[in-house]
Protein backbone atom coordinates (compact mmCIF):
# COMPACT_ATOMS: atom_id res chain seq x y z
CA MET A 1 -42.58 6.21 10.52
CA PRO A 2 -42.78 9.83 11.69
CA GLN A 3 -46.08 11.03 13.06
CA LYS A 4 -48.04 13.10 10.58
CA ARG A 5 -48.16 16.75 11.51
CA ALA A 6 -51.11 19.08 11.31
CA THR A 7 -51.24 21.22 8.20
CA HIS A 8 -51.58 24.97 8.10
CA GLY A 9 -52.55 27.75 5.71
CA ARG A 10 -53.15 26.63 2.15
CA SER A 11 -52.40 23.04 3.08
CA ALA A 12 -55.33 22.87 5.51
CA THR A 13 -57.87 22.58 2.70
CA ARG A 14 -56.54 19.23 1.47
CA THR A 15 -54.72 16.14 2.70
CA ILE A 16 -52.19 13.72 1.29
CA THR A 17 -53.93 10.77 2.93
CA PRO A 18 -56.02 9.68 -0.12
CA MET A 19 -52.84 9.47 -2.19
CA ILE A 20 -50.83 7.29 0.14
CA PRO A 21 -52.75 3.97 0.05
CA LEU A 22 -52.95 3.99 -3.75
CA ALA A 23 -49.30 4.91 -4.23
CA ILE A 24 -48.08 2.37 -1.70
CA ALA A 25 -50.33 -0.35 -3.15
CA LEU A 26 -49.00 0.33 -6.63
CA LEU A 27 -45.42 0.38 -5.45
CA HIS A 28 -45.59 -2.75 -3.33
CA SER A 29 -47.48 -4.74 -5.94
CA ALA A 30 -45.66 -3.50 -9.00
CA VAL A 31 -42.31 -2.02 -8.06
CA ILE A 32 -40.58 -3.28 -4.92
CA SER A 33 -40.56 -6.29 -2.63
CA PRO A 34 -43.60 -6.93 -0.48
CA PRO A 35 -43.32 -5.98 3.22
CA GLY A 36 -41.26 -8.48 5.16
CA GLY A 37 -38.75 -9.17 2.42
CA GLY A 38 -38.63 -11.55 -0.47
CA ALA A 39 -37.59 -11.12 -4.07
CA PRO A 40 -38.84 -8.05 -5.94
CA VAL A 41 -42.00 -8.79 -7.85
CA GLY A 42 -42.63 -7.81 -11.43
CA PRO A 43 -45.42 -5.49 -12.53
CA THR A 44 -48.81 -6.88 -11.56
CA THR A 45 -50.63 -3.70 -12.43
CA THR A 46 -50.19 -1.30 -15.30
CA VAL A 47 -48.23 1.79 -14.31
CA GLU A 48 -48.19 4.25 -17.15
CA ALA A 49 -47.27 7.84 -17.78
CA VAL A 50 -50.38 9.99 -17.97
CA LYS A 51 -51.39 13.45 -19.11
CA CYS A 52 -52.34 16.00 -16.45
CA GLY A 53 -55.98 16.98 -16.25
CA GLU A 54 -57.38 20.39 -15.44
CA GLY A 55 -57.49 22.03 -12.03
CA ILE A 56 -54.26 20.83 -10.39
CA GLU A 57 -53.81 23.78 -8.07
CA ASP A 58 -51.13 22.44 -5.76
CA PHE A 59 -49.20 19.33 -4.76
CA HIS A 60 -52.14 18.03 -2.68
CA ALA A 61 -54.35 17.87 -5.73
CA CYS A 62 -51.47 16.45 -7.75
CA HIS A 63 -50.63 13.52 -5.49
CA ALA A 64 -54.25 12.74 -4.60
CA SER A 65 -55.02 12.08 -8.27
CA TYR A 66 -51.66 11.25 -9.85
CA PRO A 67 -49.52 8.92 -7.70
CA THR A 68 -47.16 8.46 -10.66
CA GLY A 69 -47.18 12.15 -11.54
CA CYS A 70 -48.17 13.49 -14.94
CA THR A 71 -47.13 15.86 -17.70
CA ILE A 72 -49.13 18.73 -19.12
CA SER A 73 -48.35 17.77 -22.72
CA GLY A 74 -48.67 14.04 -22.19
CA SER A 75 -44.98 13.57 -23.01
CA PRO A 76 -43.52 10.29 -21.66
CA TYR A 77 -41.69 9.98 -18.36
CA ASP A 78 -40.71 7.13 -16.01
CA PRO A 79 -43.75 6.41 -13.79
CA TYR A 80 -41.91 3.82 -11.68
CA LEU A 81 -39.28 6.43 -10.85
CA ASN A 82 -41.99 8.87 -9.75
CA LEU A 83 -43.57 6.23 -7.51
CA MET A 84 -40.20 5.82 -5.81
CA LYS A 85 -39.82 9.58 -5.38
CA ASN A 86 -43.25 9.97 -3.83
CA GLN A 87 -42.99 7.34 -1.07
CA THR A 88 -43.74 8.25 2.54
CA THR A 89 -43.38 4.93 4.38
CA TRP A 90 -40.78 2.14 4.64
CA ASP A 91 -40.40 -1.16 6.50
CA SER A 92 -37.55 0.36 8.53
CA MET A 93 -36.51 3.97 9.11
CA GLU A 94 -33.05 2.94 10.35
CA PRO A 95 -30.25 3.63 7.85
CA GLN A 96 -28.56 0.63 6.26
CA GLU A 97 -25.36 2.68 5.86
CA VAL A 98 -24.25 6.28 6.26
CA PHE A 99 -21.98 7.58 3.49
CA THR A 100 -19.16 9.82 4.70
CA SER A 101 -17.19 10.25 1.48
CA LEU A 102 -17.73 10.86 -2.20
CA SER A 103 -15.89 7.64 -3.05
CA GLN A 104 -18.62 5.55 -1.40
CA VAL A 105 -21.22 7.11 -3.68
CA GLN A 106 -18.97 6.70 -6.70
CA GLN A 107 -18.57 2.99 -5.94
CA LEU A 108 -22.33 2.59 -6.33
CA GLU A 109 -22.27 4.69 -9.50
CA ALA A 110 -19.58 2.42 -10.98
CA ARG A 111 -21.95 -0.55 -10.82
CA LEU A 112 -24.66 1.08 -12.94
CA PRO A 113 -23.26 0.57 -16.48
CA ALA A 114 -23.79 -3.19 -16.23
CA LEU A 115 -27.52 -2.57 -15.73
CA ALA A 116 -28.05 -0.91 -19.14
CA LEU A 117 -30.01 1.77 -17.32
CA THR A 118 -31.67 4.48 -19.39
CA GLN A 119 -33.70 7.58 -18.52
CA LYS A 120 -37.04 5.75 -18.66
CA ASN A 121 -36.52 2.06 -17.82
CA HIS A 122 -36.48 2.13 -14.01
CA GLY A 123 -39.27 -0.45 -13.85
CA ASP A 124 -37.17 -2.94 -15.81
CA LYS A 125 -34.26 -2.78 -13.35
CA LEU A 126 -36.06 -3.26 -10.04
CA ALA A 127 -34.30 -6.39 -8.86
CA GLN A 128 -30.82 -5.16 -9.78
CA LEU A 129 -31.34 -1.76 -8.16
CA LYS A 130 -32.81 -3.26 -5.00
CA ALA A 131 -29.75 -5.51 -4.73
CA LEU A 132 -27.64 -2.34 -4.65
CA GLY A 133 -29.73 -0.89 -1.81
CA GLU A 134 -32.42 1.07 -3.59
CA GLY A 135 -35.67 1.48 -1.68
CA SER A 136 -34.08 1.32 1.79
CA ILE A 137 -33.14 4.16 4.11
CA TYR A 138 -29.51 5.29 3.92
CA GLY A 139 -27.66 8.34 5.23
CA VAL A 140 -24.96 10.81 4.29
CA THR A 141 -22.83 13.15 6.37
CA GLY A 142 -21.06 16.07 4.74
CA TYR A 143 -21.55 19.77 4.15
CA LEU A 144 -24.54 21.65 2.83
CA TYR A 145 -23.20 23.16 -0.39
CA ASP A 146 -26.41 24.51 -1.89
CA VAL A 147 -30.23 24.37 -1.94
CA VAL A 148 -32.21 24.86 -5.15
CA PRO A 149 -36.04 24.75 -5.27
CA GLU A 150 -36.79 22.73 -8.40
CA GLY A 151 -38.92 23.84 -11.33
CA LYS A 152 -41.51 21.81 -13.22
CA GLU A 153 -41.17 18.03 -12.83
CA SER A 154 -43.50 15.21 -13.80
CA SER A 155 -43.30 13.79 -10.25
CA ASN A 156 -45.10 16.94 -9.03
CA CYS A 157 -47.46 17.27 -12.01
CA GLN A 158 -45.19 19.94 -13.48
CA LEU A 159 -46.23 22.50 -10.88
CA ASP A 160 -43.94 25.52 -10.90
CA LYS A 161 -41.98 27.36 -8.26
CA ASP A 162 -44.09 29.62 -6.07
CA PRO A 163 -41.88 31.73 -3.77
CA PRO A 164 -41.31 32.36 -0.98
CA GLN A 165 -42.26 28.92 0.38
CA TYR A 166 -41.96 26.85 -2.82
CA GLU A 167 -44.64 24.54 -1.43
CA ASP A 168 -45.27 22.53 -4.60
CA VAL A 169 -41.75 21.55 -5.67
CA ASP A 170 -38.83 19.43 -4.53
CA PHE A 171 -35.76 20.97 -2.93
CA HIS A 172 -32.56 19.85 -4.67
CA ILE A 173 -29.88 19.84 -1.96
CA PHE A 174 -26.18 19.44 -2.70
CA ILE A 175 -24.26 17.55 0.00
CA GLY A 176 -20.49 17.75 -0.48
CA PHE A 177 -17.55 16.28 1.38
CA ASP A 178 -14.73 18.82 1.06
CA PRO A 179 -14.19 20.94 4.20
CA ALA A 180 -12.22 23.50 2.17
CA VAL A 181 -15.20 24.08 -0.12
CA ALA A 182 -17.49 24.30 2.91
CA GLU A 183 -15.15 26.92 4.39
CA LYS A 184 -15.48 29.01 1.23
CA ILE A 185 -19.27 28.79 1.41
CA LEU A 186 -19.29 29.78 5.09
CA ASN A 187 -17.17 32.83 4.27
CA HIS A 188 -19.21 33.78 1.19
CA LYS A 189 -16.34 33.16 -1.20
CA THR A 190 -16.79 32.04 -4.78
CA VAL A 191 -17.17 28.29 -5.28
CA SER A 192 -16.58 26.96 -8.77
CA SER A 193 -19.10 24.73 -10.54
CA ALA A 194 -16.58 21.90 -10.51
CA GLU A 195 -16.28 22.14 -6.73
CA LYS A 196 -20.01 22.43 -6.12
CA HIS A 197 -20.91 19.55 -8.38
CA GLN A 198 -18.69 17.03 -6.59
CA SER A 199 -21.63 16.32 -4.33
CA MET A 200 -24.52 13.97 -3.72
CA ILE A 201 -28.04 15.19 -4.39
CA VAL A 202 -30.67 14.70 -1.70
CA GLU A 203 -34.24 15.88 -2.19
CA MET A 204 -37.05 17.01 0.08
CA THR A 205 -40.47 16.44 -1.47
CA PRO A 206 -43.43 18.77 -0.90
CA HIS A 207 -45.85 16.16 0.47
CA TYR A 208 -43.28 14.69 2.90
CA ARG A 209 -42.34 18.18 4.14
CA ASP A 210 -45.99 19.13 4.60
CA ALA A 211 -46.94 15.93 6.41
CA PHE A 212 -43.95 15.55 8.72
CA HIS A 213 -41.56 18.52 8.63
CA GLN A 214 -43.10 21.90 7.93
CA GLU A 215 -39.99 23.50 9.43
CA TRP A 216 -38.04 22.34 6.37
CA THR A 217 -38.27 25.58 4.42
CA ALA A 218 -36.00 26.83 1.67
CA ASP A 219 -35.00 29.84 3.78
CA ALA A 220 -34.08 27.69 6.79
CA LEU A 221 -31.91 25.47 4.61
CA GLN A 222 -30.26 28.35 2.77
CA ALA A 223 -29.16 29.82 6.10
CA LEU A 224 -27.30 26.58 6.89
CA LYS A 225 -25.14 26.53 3.76
CA GLY A 226 -21.57 25.51 4.53
CA GLN A 227 -22.57 23.79 7.76
CA GLN A 228 -21.89 20.15 8.54
CA VAL A 229 -25.08 18.12 8.14
CA LYS A 230 -26.40 14.57 8.41
CA VAL A 231 -29.22 13.47 6.12
CA LEU A 232 -31.31 10.29 6.03
CA GLY A 233 -33.58 9.26 3.20
CA GLN A 234 -34.54 6.63 0.67
CA LEU A 235 -31.64 5.51 -1.50
CA MET A 236 -32.77 5.83 -5.10
CA VAL A 237 -31.36 6.10 -8.61
CA ASP A 238 -32.78 9.14 -10.39
CA ASN A 239 -32.29 7.66 -13.85
CA GLU A 240 -33.92 10.72 -15.41
CA HIS A 241 -30.48 12.33 -15.04
CA TYR A 242 -28.46 9.31 -16.17
CA VAL A 243 -26.87 11.09 -19.13
CA SER A 244 -23.32 12.35 -19.51
CA GLY A 245 -24.37 15.97 -19.77
CA GLN A 246 -25.86 15.86 -16.27
CA ASP A 247 -24.24 13.01 -14.36
CA CYS A 248 -20.55 13.68 -13.72
CA GLY A 249 -20.22 10.02 -12.75
CA ILE A 250 -20.60 9.04 -16.41
CA ASP A 251 -18.17 11.54 -17.88
CA PRO A 252 -16.49 14.04 -15.50
CA SER A 253 -15.01 15.88 -18.50
CA LYS A 254 -18.42 17.23 -19.49
CA LYS A 255 -18.57 20.85 -18.37
CA THR A 256 -22.35 20.79 -18.16
CA CYS A 257 -22.59 17.91 -15.66
CA TRP A 258 -23.91 19.05 -12.28
CA ARG A 259 -24.04 16.02 -9.99
CA ALA A 260 -21.46 13.46 -8.91
CA SER A 261 -23.91 10.57 -9.23
CA VAL A 262 -27.52 9.70 -10.05
CA TRP A 263 -27.77 7.97 -6.67
CA GLU A 264 -29.82 10.19 -4.36
CA LEU A 265 -31.52 10.18 -0.99
CA HIS A 266 -35.06 10.90 -2.17
CA PRO A 267 -37.17 11.71 -0.31
CA VAL A 268 -35.22 13.01 2.67
CA THR A 269 -36.68 11.65 5.90
CA ASP A 270 -34.39 13.31 8.45
CA PHE A 271 -32.13 16.37 8.28
CA ARG A 272 -29.78 17.45 11.06
CA VAL A 273 -27.08 20.05 11.53
CA CYS A 274 -23.95 19.64 13.64
CA GLU A 275 -23.95 21.83 16.74
CA GLY A 276 -20.45 23.10 17.44
CA GLY A 277 -18.69 21.36 14.56
CA GLY A 278 -16.64 18.18 14.42
CA CYS A 279 -19.49 15.67 14.44
CA THR A 280 -19.01 12.14 13.12
CA ALA A 281 -21.69 9.91 11.62
CA THR A 282 -22.32 8.22 14.99
CA SER A 283 -21.48 10.99 17.46
CA ALA A 284 -23.79 13.18 19.49
CA GLY A 285 -24.24 16.81 18.52
CA TRP A 286 -26.64 16.45 15.60
CA ALA A 287 -29.72 18.63 16.04
CA PRO A 288 -32.83 18.62 13.82
CA ILE A 289 -33.79 21.77 11.99
CA GLY A 290 -36.03 23.77 14.27
CA GLU A 291 -34.48 22.40 17.45
CA SER A 292 -30.86 23.50 17.11
CA SER A 293 -29.70 26.99 18.02
CA THR A 294 -28.37 27.35 14.48
CA SER A 295 -31.70 26.36 12.95
CA ALA A 296 -33.62 28.66 15.26
CA LYS A 297 -31.61 31.58 13.93
CA ALA A 298 -32.28 30.42 10.38
CA VAL A 299 -36.03 30.27 10.93
CA SER A 300 -36.04 33.71 12.53
CA GLY A 301 -34.07 35.15 9.65
CA GLU A 302 -30.89 35.69 11.64
CA ALA A 303 -27.84 34.24 9.90
CA PRO A 304 -25.94 31.70 12.02
CA ALA A 305 -22.41 32.56 13.02
CA PRO A 306 -19.91 30.78 10.73
CA ARG A 307 -18.16 27.86 12.36
CA ARG A 308 -14.90 26.51 11.13
CA SER A 309 -15.43 23.29 9.21
CA SER A 310 -13.88 20.07 10.39
CA ASN A 311 -12.88 17.28 8.06
CA SER A 312 -15.83 14.93 8.33
CA GLY A 313 -14.28 12.72 5.69
CA ARG A 314 -11.74 11.45 8.25
CA ARG A 315 -13.74 9.01 10.26
């Protein structure tokens, strides 16, 4: 597990530590297998959707009091899904597999219909999803198509965007696999929705960023758009988006769909950019944000020089 980093600014007044034992205890006892393996256990404690109370100023206050998240109106959501999203520790940080093509993600997506998955029944499908890899660390190599700070979500107590740092919300990150699309992005050419949405979503959560990677800012990521990247994180089905109008994996003909699959890496635990281009999943040349020359320019506000994309899909 990464070492927790010191917090700064607004974050210094609170800590995520009180939230972690409760969330992990709930998840291990009610959601996933106990440490060391074994079959997934069923719910041994009640995990319910709850209504947000008063005074939730930021994500620290949110996750200290609401490990399953909450909604302002008390409207229902999937609390088991939110527990998965808000994890910060795993038995192993080594990836089980690194996806290098869209087809690998689509193969996982094709196995979901047999599960009768809905938007709010994640807790009922724990064993089946774990058998497909959910809850373990996986990876993906591709191209950074786009970064979108999310709006109000129950997993973050429906806190809203607060630019410029967007401290209280997830970052939705589109990882695509087409070098031609990446080339367009690098050269600031128009990319169609159909091209952009043939990508895997990976998400950085506010409490994981604050605890371990404060250099993961929206500005630093935006400056890397079009670059070849390698991402590690928890493999997870975001069943909240398992509807044809959002998940292109269900019905690609829907014009409103915006993601190739509901399989995500969430939360992201490692994010690297290829230095010089032409990296493979196992090659050298991957540098963490904040340590690469490209990332240093991004943090300073200087745009990195475009590099010609290589076809990372040909491994």
